[in-house]
Amino acid sequence: MGGALAEVFYEELYDKSCFAVINTHYTNIKILTSKKEEATNAFMLFDADELKPLYKLSVGQPGSSFTFEVAQKNGIPFSLINRSKKKIERGKIRFDKTIAKLQKERSKLEKTERALKQNEIKKSLEADKLETTNAKAKKKLQSYQELFDSNQRLVYLGQKINDLGESYLENNRKRELMNELFKLVQVENSKRQKVSLKQKRALKAKEIELQKEVDQKVDVIRKQKKKQKEIAALVPPKPKRVLVIGDSVRLEDGRAVGTLDKLEKNKAVVNYGLFTTTVSVDRLEYVKTKK
């Protein structure tokens, strides 16, 4: 619907208190609608960068048709577009530019909002995944702790029985041995809870499975350490500095620094101030040269 006809039709509808939806690019209609409380502008969101419709309605502001942008993208000569602009009132062009700018900002806000929502969903999924992983790790750690406690208890019982065996070997007192064994069994039974045979089998199966898993992990760690040692063995050691009397030195596994006072064959006398000590030269580490 074009020009003055659309504006007259709009006024007629307003005077008769009618409701209508008017689809127009005519600027006067947009301006008139913004002045009327009974009417509301609206437009379909448009990607100004890609010049593609987003198929989403935005209510409250007038929209722009991006006439000149679309025309330029479709190969209309710029001179023709410029002549067309000159035939339109400057105020209307400025108004349409303002609308287009607002529409571009709205499109950017829509993109930002979608990106933020997607990021929020992603973070929520990651948080849920992390929580699940932590729960599994906590449960696994608890199982390992139970297995460790069980093994420690067995080590303790084995040590107690070994002590009783050594004591019996020395004194040959059978009654005393039986009494001590009976006490040990009573103490251990007082810590146990009565469970059915089915529960015992389930617990035993779980313990065997855990032990198998631990053994596999330990085996992997041992292989890694062995490989690291093999690699380290292939790397030639750094040549040691020849130590001379007066150098500041320390033991390879120590922190205290002393002064090298004397060298005899493969032995060195190190002075720590309050005392001196004789050590193998191979165990010494150079710190600095005497000035």
C-alpha atoms as a PDB file:
ATOM      1  CA  MET A   1       0.000   0.000   0.000  1.00  0.00           C
ATOM      2  CA  GLY A   2       1.723   3.175  -1.083  1.00  0.00           C
ATOM      3  CA  GLY A   3       1.947   6.841  -0.387  1.00  0.00           C
ATOM      4  CA  ALA A   4      -0.925   9.123   0.574  1.00  0.00           C
ATOM      5  CA  LEU A   5      -3.529   6.393   0.009  1.00  0.00           C
ATOM      6  CA  ALA A   6      -2.101   4.330   2.873  1.00  0.00           C
ATOM      7  CA  GLU A   7      -2.066   7.377   5.171  1.00  0.00           C
ATOM      8  CA  VAL A   8      -5.703   8.279   4.383  1.00  0.00           C
ATOM      9  CA  PHE A   9      -6.744   4.660   4.916  1.00  0.00           C
ATOM     10  CA  TYR A  10      -4.977   4.651   8.281  1.00  0.00           C
ATOM     11  CA  GLU A  11      -6.764   7.864   9.390  1.00  0.00           C
ATOM     12  CA  GLU A  12     -10.123   6.410   8.317  1.00  0.00           C
ATOM     13  CA  LEU A  13      -9.546   3.276  10.392  1.00  0.00           C
ATOM     14  CA  TYR A  14      -8.454   5.347  13.396  1.00  0.00           C
ATOM     15  CA  ASP A  15     -11.526   7.596  13.238  1.00  0.00           C
ATOM     16  CA  LYS A  16     -13.823   4.556  13.077  1.00  0.00           C
ATOM     17  CA  SER A  17     -11.974   2.828  15.979  1.00  0.00           C
ATOM     18  CA  CYS A  18     -11.220  -0.147  13.791  1.00  0.00           C
ATOM     19  CA  PHE A  19      -8.443  -2.680  14.270  1.00  0.00           C
ATOM     20  CA  ALA A  20      -6.213  -3.467  11.336  1.00  0.00           C
ATOM     21  CA  VAL A  21      -2.743  -4.678  10.514  1.00  0.00           C
ATOM     22  CA  ILE A  22      -1.005  -2.505   7.923  1.00  0.00           C
ATOM     23  CA  ASN A  23       2.097  -3.803   6.169  1.00  0.00           C
ATOM     24  CA  THR A  24       3.932  -0.883   4.615  1.00  0.00           C
ATOM     25  CA  HIS A  25       7.367   0.660   4.068  1.00  0.00           C
ATOM     26  CA  TYR A  26       5.828   4.119   3.903  1.00  0.00           C
ATOM     27  CA  THR A  27       7.688   6.311   6.433  1.00  0.00           C
ATOM     28  CA  ASN A  28       4.738   8.632   7.221  1.00  0.00           C
ATOM     29  CA  ILE A  29       2.687   5.668   8.413  1.00  0.00           C
ATOM     30  CA  LYS A  30       5.531   4.618  10.749  1.00  0.00           C
ATOM     31  CA  ILE A  31       5.838   8.168  12.136  1.00  0.00           C
ATOM     32  CA  LEU A  32       2.065   8.498  12.557  1.00  0.00           C
ATOM     33  CA  THR A  33       1.852   5.118  14.332  1.00  0.00           C
ATOM     34  CA  SER A  34       4.585   6.136  16.805  1.00  0.00           C
ATOM     35  CA  LYS A  35       2.459   9.166  17.784  1.00  0.00           C
ATOM     36  CA  LYS A  36      -0.734   7.188  18.411  1.00  0.00           C
ATOM     37  CA  GLU A  37      -1.267   5.369  21.712  1.00  0.00           C
ATOM     38  CA  GLU A  38      -3.792   3.104  20.018  1.00  0.00           C
ATOM     39  CA  ALA A  39      -1.271   1.824  17.494  1.00  0.00           C
ATOM     40  CA  THR A  40       2.037  -0.026  17.714  1.00  0.00           C
ATOM     41  CA  ASN A  41       4.878  -0.389  15.269  1.00  0.00           C
ATOM     42  CA  ALA A  42       6.521  -3.749  14.678  1.00  0.00           C
ATOM     43  CA  PHE A  43       8.995  -5.333  12.298  1.00  0.00           C
ATOM     44  CA  MET A  44      10.562  -8.644  11.418  1.00  0.00           C
ATOM     45  CA  LEU A  45      14.165  -8.958  12.554  1.00  0.00           C
ATOM     46  CA  PHE A  46      16.701  -8.780   9.755  1.00  0.00           C
ATOM     47  CA  ASP A  47      20.418  -9.652   9.657  1.00  0.00           C
ATOM     48  CA  ALA A  48      21.892  -6.419   8.323  1.00  0.00           C
ATOM     49  CA  ASP A  49      25.310  -7.962   7.697  1.00  0.00           C
ATOM     50  CA  GLU A  50      24.061 -10.956   5.725  1.00  0.00           C
ATOM     51  CA  LEU A  51      20.919  -9.167   4.493  1.00  0.00           C
ATOM     52  CA  LYS A  52      18.831 -12.186   5.432  1.00  0.00           C
ATOM     53  CA  PRO A  53      15.518 -12.360   7.352  1.00  0.00           C
ATOM     54  CA  LEU A  54      15.586 -13.909  10.843  1.00  0.00           C
ATOM     55  CA  TYR A  55      11.841 -14.698  10.855  1.00  0.00           C
ATOM     56  CA  LYS A  56      11.291 -13.216  14.303  1.00  0.00           C
ATOM     57  CA  LEU A  57       8.826 -10.456  15.156  1.00  0.00           C
ATOM     58  CA  SER A  58       9.934  -7.457  17.250  1.00  0.00           C
ATOM     59  CA  VAL A  59       7.165  -5.237  18.649  1.00  0.00           C
ATOM     60  CA  GLY A  60       7.555  -1.622  19.766  1.00  0.00           C
ATOM     61  CA  GLN A  61       9.725  -0.064  17.074  1.00  0.00           C
ATOM     62  CA  PRO A  62       9.307   0.577  13.338  1.00  0.00           C
ATOM     63  CA  GLY A  63      11.446  -1.463  10.988  1.00  0.00           C
ATOM     64  CA  SER A  64      13.554  -0.698   7.972  1.00  0.00           C
ATOM     65  CA  SER A  65      13.328  -2.415   4.627  1.00  0.00           C
ATOM     66  CA  PHE A  66      17.046  -1.841   4.005  1.00  0.00           C
ATOM     67  CA  THR A  67      16.011  -0.692   0.529  1.00  0.00           C
ATOM     68  CA  PHE A  68      19.275   0.887  -0.528  1.00  0.00           C
ATOM     69  CA  GLU A  69      21.472  -1.812   1.082  1.00  0.00           C
ATOM     70  CA  VAL A  70      19.552  -4.596  -0.679  1.00  0.00           C
ATOM     71  CA  ALA A  71      19.597  -2.664  -3.947  1.00  0.00           C
ATOM     72  CA  GLN A  72      23.368  -2.180  -3.716  1.00  0.00           C
ATOM     73  CA  LYS A  73      23.921  -5.866  -2.930  1.00  0.00           C
ATOM     74  CA  ASN A  74      21.813  -6.856  -5.959  1.00  0.00           C
ATOM     75  CA  GLY A  75      23.995  -4.826  -8.303  1.00  0.00           C
ATOM     76  CA  ILE A  76      21.944  -1.658  -8.729  1.00  0.00           C
ATOM     77  CA  PRO A  77      24.383   1.114  -9.781  1.00  0.00           C
ATOM     78  CA  PHE A  78      25.363   3.448  -6.953  1.00  0.00           C
ATOM     79  CA  SER A  79      24.586   6.515  -9.118  1.00  0.00           C
ATOM     80  CA  LEU A  80      20.981   5.338  -9.493  1.00  0.00           C
ATOM     81  CA  ILE A  81      20.701   4.653  -5.747  1.00  0.00           C
ATOM     82  CA  ASN A  82      22.092   8.125  -5.011  1.00  0.00           C
ATOM     83  CA  ARG A  83      19.593   9.780  -7.393  1.00  0.00           C
ATOM     84  CA  SER A  84      16.773   7.891  -5.663  1.00  0.00           C
ATOM     85  CA  LYS A  85      17.912   9.154  -2.253  1.00  0.00           C
ATOM     86  CA  LYS A  86      17.851  12.743  -3.536  1.00  0.00           C
ATOM     87  CA  LYS A  87      14.199  12.379  -4.559  1.00  0.00           C
ATOM     88  CA  ILE A  88      13.219  11.496  -0.975  1.00  0.00           C
ATOM     89  CA  GLU A  89      12.966  14.058   1.802  1.00  0.00           C
ATOM     90  CA  ARG A  90      16.164  14.237   3.882  1.00  0.00           C
ATOM     91  CA  GLY A  91      14.201  13.876   7.112  1.00  0.00           C
ATOM     92  CA  LYS A  92      12.674  10.604   5.919  1.00  0.00           C
ATOM     93  CA  ILE A  93      16.090   9.300   4.858  1.00  0.00           C
ATOM     94  CA  ARG A  94      17.543  10.174   8.277  1.00  0.00           C
ATOM     95  CA  PHE A  95      14.543   8.546   9.951  1.00  0.00           C
ATOM     96  CA  ASP A  96      14.964   5.389   7.871  1.00  0.00           C
ATOM     97  CA  LYS A  97      18.710   5.361   8.607  1.00  0.00           C
ATOM     98  CA  THR A  98      17.967   5.661  12.320  1.00  0.00           C
ATOM     99  CA  ILE A  99      15.481   2.787  12.080  1.00  0.00           C
ATOM    100  CA  ALA A 100      17.993   0.708  10.143  1.00  0.00           C
ATOM    101  CA  LYS A 101      20.674   1.439  12.756  1.00  0.00           C
ATOM    102  CA  LEU A 102      18.320   0.465  15.594  1.00  0.00           C
ATOM    103  CA  GLN A 103      17.371  -2.680  13.723  1.00  0.00           C
ATOM    104  CA  LYS A 104      21.049  -3.569  13.276  1.00  0.00           C
ATOM    105  CA  GLU A 105      21.649  -3.050  16.991  1.00  0.00           C
ATOM    106  CA  ARG A 106      18.620  -5.204  17.778  1.00  0.00           C
ATOM    107  CA  SER A 107      19.948  -7.949  15.505  1.00  0.00           C
ATOM    108  CA  LYS A 108      23.347  -7.790  17.216  1.00  0.00           C
ATOM    109  CA  LEU A 109      21.668  -7.979  20.610  1.00  0.00           C
ATOM    110  CA  GLU A 110      19.676 -10.986  19.447  1.00  0.00           C
ATOM    111  CA  LYS A 111      22.883 -12.718  18.314  1.00  0.00           C
ATOM    112  CA  THR A 112      24.620 -11.863  21.583  1.00  0.00           C
ATOM    113  CA  GLU A 113      21.647 -13.143  23.562  1.00  0.00           C
ATOM    114  CA  ARG A 114      21.612 -16.420  21.626  1.00  0.00           C
ATOM    115  CA  ALA A 115      25.366 -16.826  22.108  1.00  0.00           C
ATOM    116  CA  LEU A 116      25.035 -16.156  25.846  1.00  0.00           C
ATOM    117  CA  LYS A 117      22.209 -18.674  26.149  1.00  0.00           C
ATOM    118  CA  GLN A 118      24.232 -21.299  24.268  1.00  0.00           C
ATOM    119  CA  ASN A 119      27.250 -20.573  26.467  1.00  0.00           C
ATOM    120  CA  GLU A 120      25.087 -20.853  29.583  1.00  0.00           C
ATOM    121  CA  ILE A 121      23.704 -24.198  28.414  1.00  0.00           C
ATOM    122  CA  LYS A 122      27.237 -25.415  27.617  1.00  0.00           C
ATOM    123  CA  LYS A 123      28.510 -24.372  31.056  1.00  0.00           C
ATOM    124  CA  SER A 124      25.538 -26.044  32.723  1.00  0.00           C
ATOM    125  CA  LEU A 125      26.247 -29.296  30.842  1.00  0.00           C
ATOM    126  CA  GLU A 126      29.952 -29.093  31.746  1.00  0.00           C
ATOM    127  CA  ALA A 127      29.073 -28.448  35.404  1.00  0.00           C
ATOM    128  CA  ASP A 128      26.749 -31.484  35.412  1.00  0.00           C
ATOM    129  CA  LYS A 129      29.458 -33.605  33.766  1.00  0.00           C
ATOM    130  CA  LEU A 130      32.043 -32.439  36.298  1.00  0.00           C
ATOM    131  CA  GLU A 131      29.687 -33.146  39.184  1.00  0.00           C
ATOM    132  CA  THR A 132      29.056 -36.667  37.848  1.00  0.00           C
ATOM    133  CA  THR A 133      32.801 -37.239  37.415  1.00  0.00           C
ATOM    134  CA  ASN A 134      33.496 -36.002  40.948  1.00  0.00           C
ATOM    135  CA  ALA A 135      30.785 -38.267  42.350  1.00  0.00           C
ATOM    136  CA  LYS A 136      32.270 -41.279  40.525  1.00  0.00           C
ATOM    137  CA  ALA A 137      35.787 -40.383  41.701  1.00  0.00           C
ATOM    138  CA  LYS A 138      34.583 -39.978  45.278  1.00  0.00           C
ATOM    139  CA  LYS A 139      32.830 -43.345  45.164  1.00  0.00           C
ATOM    140  CA  LYS A 140      35.912 -45.002  43.675  1.00  0.00           C
ATOM    141  CA  LEU A 141      38.177 -43.419  46.283  1.00  0.00           C
ATOM    142  CA  GLN A 142      35.884 -44.667  49.040  1.00  0.00           C
ATOM    143  CA  SER A 143      36.084 -48.195  47.596  1.00  0.00           C
ATOM    144  CA  TYR A 144      39.896 -48.016  47.474  1.00  0.00           C
ATOM    145  CA  GLN A 145      39.969 -46.775  51.077  1.00  0.00           C
ATOM    146  CA  GLU A 146      37.797 -49.706  52.173  1.00  0.00           C
ATOM    147  CA  LEU A 147      40.117 -52.121  50.378  1.00  0.00           C
ATOM    148  CA  PHE A 148      43.170 -50.499  51.973  1.00  0.00           C
ATOM    149  CA  ASP A 149      41.588 -50.705  55.458  1.00  0.00           C
ATOM    150  CA  SER A 150      40.747 -54.363  54.872  1.00  0.00           C
ATOM    151  CA  ASN A 151      44.309 -55.141  53.794  1.00  0.00           C
ATOM    152  CA  GLN A 152      45.725 -53.215  56.757  1.00  0.00           C
ATOM    153  CA  ARG A 153      43.535 -55.252  59.104  1.00  0.00           C
ATOM    154  CA  LEU A 154      44.844 -58.462  57.552  1.00  0.00           C
ATOM    155  CA  VAL A 155      48.432 -57.226  57.951  1.00  0.00           C
ATOM    156  CA  TYR A 156      47.730 -56.436  61.615  1.00  0.00           C
ATOM    157  CA  LEU A 157      46.205 -59.892  62.228  1.00  0.00           C
ATOM    158  CA  GLY A 158      49.129 -61.560  60.478  1.00  0.00           C
ATOM    159  CA  GLN A 159      51.580 -59.655  62.672  1.00  0.00           C
ATOM    160  CA  LYS A 160      49.662 -60.592  65.842  1.00  0.00           C
ATOM    161  CA  ILE A 161      49.623 -64.276  64.869  1.00  0.00           C
ATOM    162  CA  ASN A 162      53.333 -64.118  64.038  1.00  0.00           C
ATOM    163  CA  ASP A 163      54.040 -62.602  67.485  1.00  0.00           C
ATOM    164  CA  LEU A 164      51.988 -65.336  69.175  1.00  0.00           C
ATOM    165  CA  GLY A 165      53.853 -67.990  67.150  1.00  0.00           C
ATOM    166  CA  GLU A 166      57.237 -66.624  68.243  1.00  0.00           C
ATOM    167  CA  SER A 167      56.062 -66.440  71.850  1.00  0.00           C
ATOM    168  CA  TYR A 168      54.860 -70.066  71.747  1.00  0.00           C
ATOM    169  CA  LEU A 169      58.155 -71.109  70.185  1.00  0.00           C
ATOM    170  CA  GLU A 170      60.012 -69.643  73.169  1.00  0.00           C
ATOM    171  CA  ASN A 171      57.783 -70.780  76.078  1.00  0.00           C
ATOM    172  CA  ASN A 172      55.883 -73.755  74.576  1.00  0.00           C
ATOM    173  CA  ARG A 173      52.766 -72.777  76.561  1.00  0.00           C
ATOM    174  CA  LYS A 174      49.872 -74.177  74.569  1.00  0.00           C
ATOM    175  CA  ARG A 175      47.117 -72.966  76.946  1.00  0.00           C
ATOM    176  CA  GLU A 176      48.442 -69.412  76.862  1.00  0.00           C
ATOM    177  CA  LEU A 177      48.594 -69.533  73.058  1.00  0.00           C
ATOM    178  CA  MET A 178      45.002 -70.743  72.770  1.00  0.00           C
ATOM    179  CA  ASN A 179      43.779 -68.057  75.212  1.00  0.00           C
ATOM    180  CA  GLU A 180      45.505 -65.308  73.235  1.00  0.00           C
ATOM    181  CA  LEU A 181      44.136 -66.638  69.965  1.00  0.00           C
ATOM    182  CA  PHE A 182      40.638 -66.824  71.439  1.00  0.00           C
ATOM    183  CA  LYS A 183      40.895 -63.216  72.662  1.00  0.00           C
ATOM    184  CA  LEU A 184      42.073 -62.085  69.240  1.00  0.00           C
ATOM    185  CA  VAL A 185      39.155 -63.840  67.523  1.00  0.00           C
ATOM    186  CA  GLN A 186      36.663 -62.343  70.010  1.00  0.00           C
ATOM    187  CA  VAL A 187      37.981 -58.815  69.456  1.00  0.00           C
ATOM    188  CA  GLU A 188      37.813 -59.179  65.675  1.00  0.00           C
ATOM    189  CA  ASN A 189      34.328 -60.725  65.749  1.00  0.00           C
ATOM    190  CA  SER A 190      33.067 -57.842  67.896  1.00  0.00           C
ATOM    191  CA  LYS A 191      33.984 -55.468  65.025  1.00  0.00           C
ATOM    192  CA  ARG A 192      32.210 -57.527  62.377  1.00  0.00           C
ATOM    193  CA  GLN A 193      28.551 -57.164  61.428  1.00  0.00           C
ATOM    194  CA  LYS A 194      26.432 -60.239  60.849  1.00  0.00           C
ATOM    195  CA  VAL A 195      25.683 -60.628  57.145  1.00  0.00           C
ATOM    196  CA  SER A 196      24.089 -63.353  55.067  1.00  0.00           C
ATOM    197  CA  LEU A 197      26.065 -65.765  52.939  1.00  0.00           C
ATOM    198  CA  LYS A 198      24.837 -63.972  49.815  1.00  0.00           C
ATOM    199  CA  GLN A 199      26.068 -60.632  51.147  1.00  0.00           C
ATOM    200  CA  LYS A 200      29.429 -62.172  52.060  1.00  0.00           C
ATOM    201  CA  ARG A 201      29.844 -63.486  48.528  1.00  0.00           C
ATOM    202  CA  ALA A 202      28.906 -60.102  47.056  1.00  0.00           C
ATOM    203  CA  LEU A 203      31.390 -58.286  49.311  1.00  0.00           C
ATOM    204  CA  LYS A 204      34.108 -60.805  48.499  1.00  0.00           C
ATOM    205  CA  ALA A 205      33.463 -60.486  44.766  1.00  0.00           C
ATOM    206  CA  LYS A 206      33.602 -56.681  45.044  1.00  0.00           C
ATOM    207  CA  GLU A 207      36.857 -56.871  46.988  1.00  0.00           C
ATOM    208  CA  ILE A 208      38.409 -59.207  44.394  1.00  0.00           C
ATOM    209  CA  GLU A 209      37.322 -56.885  41.572  1.00  0.00           C
ATOM    210  CA  LEU A 210      38.774 -53.849  43.352  1.00  0.00           C
ATOM    211  CA  GLN A 211      42.030 -55.667  44.059  1.00  0.00           C
ATOM    212  CA  LYS A 212      42.266 -56.647  40.393  1.00  0.00           C
ATOM    213  CA  GLU A 213      41.691 -53.021  39.335  1.00  0.00           C
ATOM    214  CA  VAL A 214      44.303 -51.738  41.796  1.00  0.00           C
ATOM    215  CA  ASP A 215      46.821 -54.345  40.610  1.00  0.00           C
ATOM    216  CA  GLN A 216      46.281 -53.256  36.997  1.00  0.00           C
ATOM    217  CA  LYS A 217      46.826 -49.581  37.862  1.00  0.00           C
ATOM    218  CA  VAL A 218      49.930 -50.401  39.915  1.00  0.00           C
ATOM    219  CA  ASP A 219      51.245 -52.494  37.028  1.00  0.00           C
ATOM    220  CA  VAL A 220      50.806 -49.532  34.639  1.00  0.00           C
ATOM    221  CA  ILE A 221      52.644 -47.210  37.070  1.00  0.00           C
ATOM    222  CA  ARG A 222      55.500 -49.703  37.449  1.00  0.00           C
ATOM    223  CA  LYS A 223      55.856 -50.019  33.677  1.00  0.00           C
ATOM    224  CA  GLN A 224      55.900 -46.215  33.318  1.00  0.00           C
ATOM    225  CA  LYS A 225      58.594 -45.881  35.992  1.00  0.00           C
ATOM    226  CA  LYS A 226      60.634 -48.651  34.369  1.00  0.00           C
ATOM    227  CA  LYS A 227      60.384 -46.916  30.996  1.00  0.00           C
ATOM    228  CA  GLN A 228      61.449 -43.601  32.549  1.00  0.00           C
ATOM    229  CA  LYS A 229      64.477 -45.276  34.121  1.00  0.00           C
ATOM    230  CA  GLU A 230      65.390 -46.872  30.783  1.00  0.00           C
ATOM    231  CA  ILE A 231      65.144 -43.503  29.022  1.00  0.00           C
ATOM    232  CA  ALA A 232      67.181 -41.829  31.780  1.00  0.00           C
ATOM    233  CA  ALA A 233      69.835 -44.522  31.438  1.00  0.00           C
ATOM    234  CA  LEU A 234      70.209 -43.707  27.736  1.00  0.00           C
ATOM    235  CA  VAL A 235      70.917 -40.036  28.480  1.00  0.00           C
ATOM    236  CA  PRO A 236      74.628 -39.590  29.234  1.00  0.00           C
ATOM    237  CA  PRO A 237      75.244 -37.983  32.655  1.00  0.00           C
ATOM    238  CA  LYS A 238      76.548 -34.432  32.780  1.00  0.00           C
ATOM    239  CA  PRO A 239      80.298 -34.391  33.346  1.00  0.00           C
ATOM    240  CA  LYS A 240      81.115 -33.493  36.941  1.00  0.00           C
ATOM    241  CA  ARG A 241      83.338 -30.515  37.647  1.00  0.00           C
ATOM    242  CA  VAL A 242      86.760 -31.407  39.006  1.00  0.00           C
ATOM    243  CA  LEU A 243      86.753 -30.237  42.625  1.00  0.00           C
ATOM    244  CA  VAL A 244      89.690 -28.295  44.023  1.00  0.00           C
ATOM    245  CA  ILE A 245      90.610 -27.325  47.580  1.00  0.00           C
ATOM    246  CA  GLY A 246      88.703 -24.223  48.679  1.00  0.00           C
ATOM    247  CA  ASP A 247      85.526 -24.976  46.675  1.00  0.00           C
ATOM    248  CA  SER A 248      82.170 -24.708  48.415  1.00  0.00           C
ATOM    249  CA  VAL A 249      80.502 -28.109  48.272  1.00  0.00           C
ATOM    250  CA  ARG A 250      77.611 -30.077  49.692  1.00  0.00           C
ATOM    251  CA  LEU A 251      76.411 -33.659  49.735  1.00  0.00           C
ATOM    252  CA  GLU A 252      74.144 -34.581  46.812  1.00  0.00           C
ATOM    253  CA  ASP A 253      71.298 -35.400  49.178  1.00  0.00           C
ATOM    254  CA  GLY A 254      72.040 -32.610  51.693  1.00  0.00           C
ATOM    255  CA  ARG A 255      71.579 -28.861  52.111  1.00  0.00           C
ATOM    256  CA  ALA A 256      74.496 -27.840  54.359  1.00  0.00           C
ATOM    257  CA  VAL A 257      77.338 -26.153  52.481  1.00  0.00           C
ATOM    258  CA  GLY A 258      80.956 -26.657  53.572  1.00  0.00           C
ATOM    259  CA  THR A 259      84.462 -25.887  52.329  1.00  0.00           C
ATOM    260  CA  LEU A 260      86.658 -28.529  50.737  1.00  0.00           C
ATOM    261  CA  ASP A 261      89.809 -28.605  52.955  1.00  0.00           C
ATOM    262  CA  LYS A 262      91.643 -31.676  51.755  1.00  0.00           C
ATOM    263  CA  LEU A 263      91.663 -34.261  48.932  1.00  0.00           C
ATOM    264  CA  GLU A 264      93.229 -37.695  49.273  1.00  0.00           C
ATOM    265  CA  LYS A 265      92.684 -40.195  46.464  1.00  0.00           C
ATOM    266  CA  ASN A 266      88.863 -40.634  46.355  1.00  0.00           C
ATOM    267  CA  LYS A 267      88.286 -39.117  49.801  1.00  0.00           C
ATOM    268  CA  ALA A 268      87.558 -35.482  50.670  1.00  0.00           C
ATOM    269  CA  VAL A 269      87.646 -33.587  53.987  1.00  0.00           C
ATOM    270  CA  VAL A 270      84.802 -31.053  54.175  1.00  0.00           C
ATOM    271  CA  ASN A 271      84.856 -28.297  56.799  1.00  0.00           C
ATOM    272  CA  TYR A 272      81.410 -27.181  58.013  1.00  0.00           C
ATOM    273  CA  GLY A 273      82.782 -24.665  60.517  1.00  0.00           C
ATOM    274  CA  LEU A 274      81.910 -26.431  63.781  1.00  0.00           C
ATOM    275  CA  PHE A 275      83.066 -29.830  62.531  1.00  0.00           C
ATOM    276  CA  THR A 276      84.778 -31.617  59.653  1.00  0.00           C
ATOM    277  CA  THR A 277      83.818 -34.851  57.931  1.00  0.00           C
ATOM    278  CA  THR A 278      85.437 -37.223  55.469  1.00  0.00           C
ATOM    279  CA  VAL A 279      83.273 -38.387  52.569  1.00  0.00           C
ATOM    280  CA  SER A 280      83.669 -39.909  49.127  1.00  0.00           C
ATOM    281  CA  VAL A 281      84.350 -37.328  46.399  1.00  0.00           C
ATOM    282  CA  ASP A 282      81.619 -38.925  44.249  1.00  0.00           C
ATOM    283  CA  ARG A 283      78.998 -37.895  46.844  1.00  0.00           C
ATOM    284  CA  LEU A 284      79.949 -34.209  46.723  1.00  0.00           C
ATOM    285  CA  GLU A 285      78.218 -31.549  44.652  1.00  0.00           C
ATOM    286  CA  TYR A 286      79.936 -28.337  43.559  1.00  0.00           C
ATOM    287  CA  VAL A 287      78.345 -25.078  44.793  1.00  0.00           C
ATOM    288  CA  LYS A 288      80.814 -22.253  44.035  1.00  0.00           C
ATOM    289  CA  THR A 289      84.483 -21.454  43.663  1.00  0.00           C
ATOM    290  CA  LYS A 290      86.445 -19.762  46.412  1.00  0.00           C
ATOM    291  CA  LYS A 291      87.072 -16.109  45.548  1.00  0.00           C
END
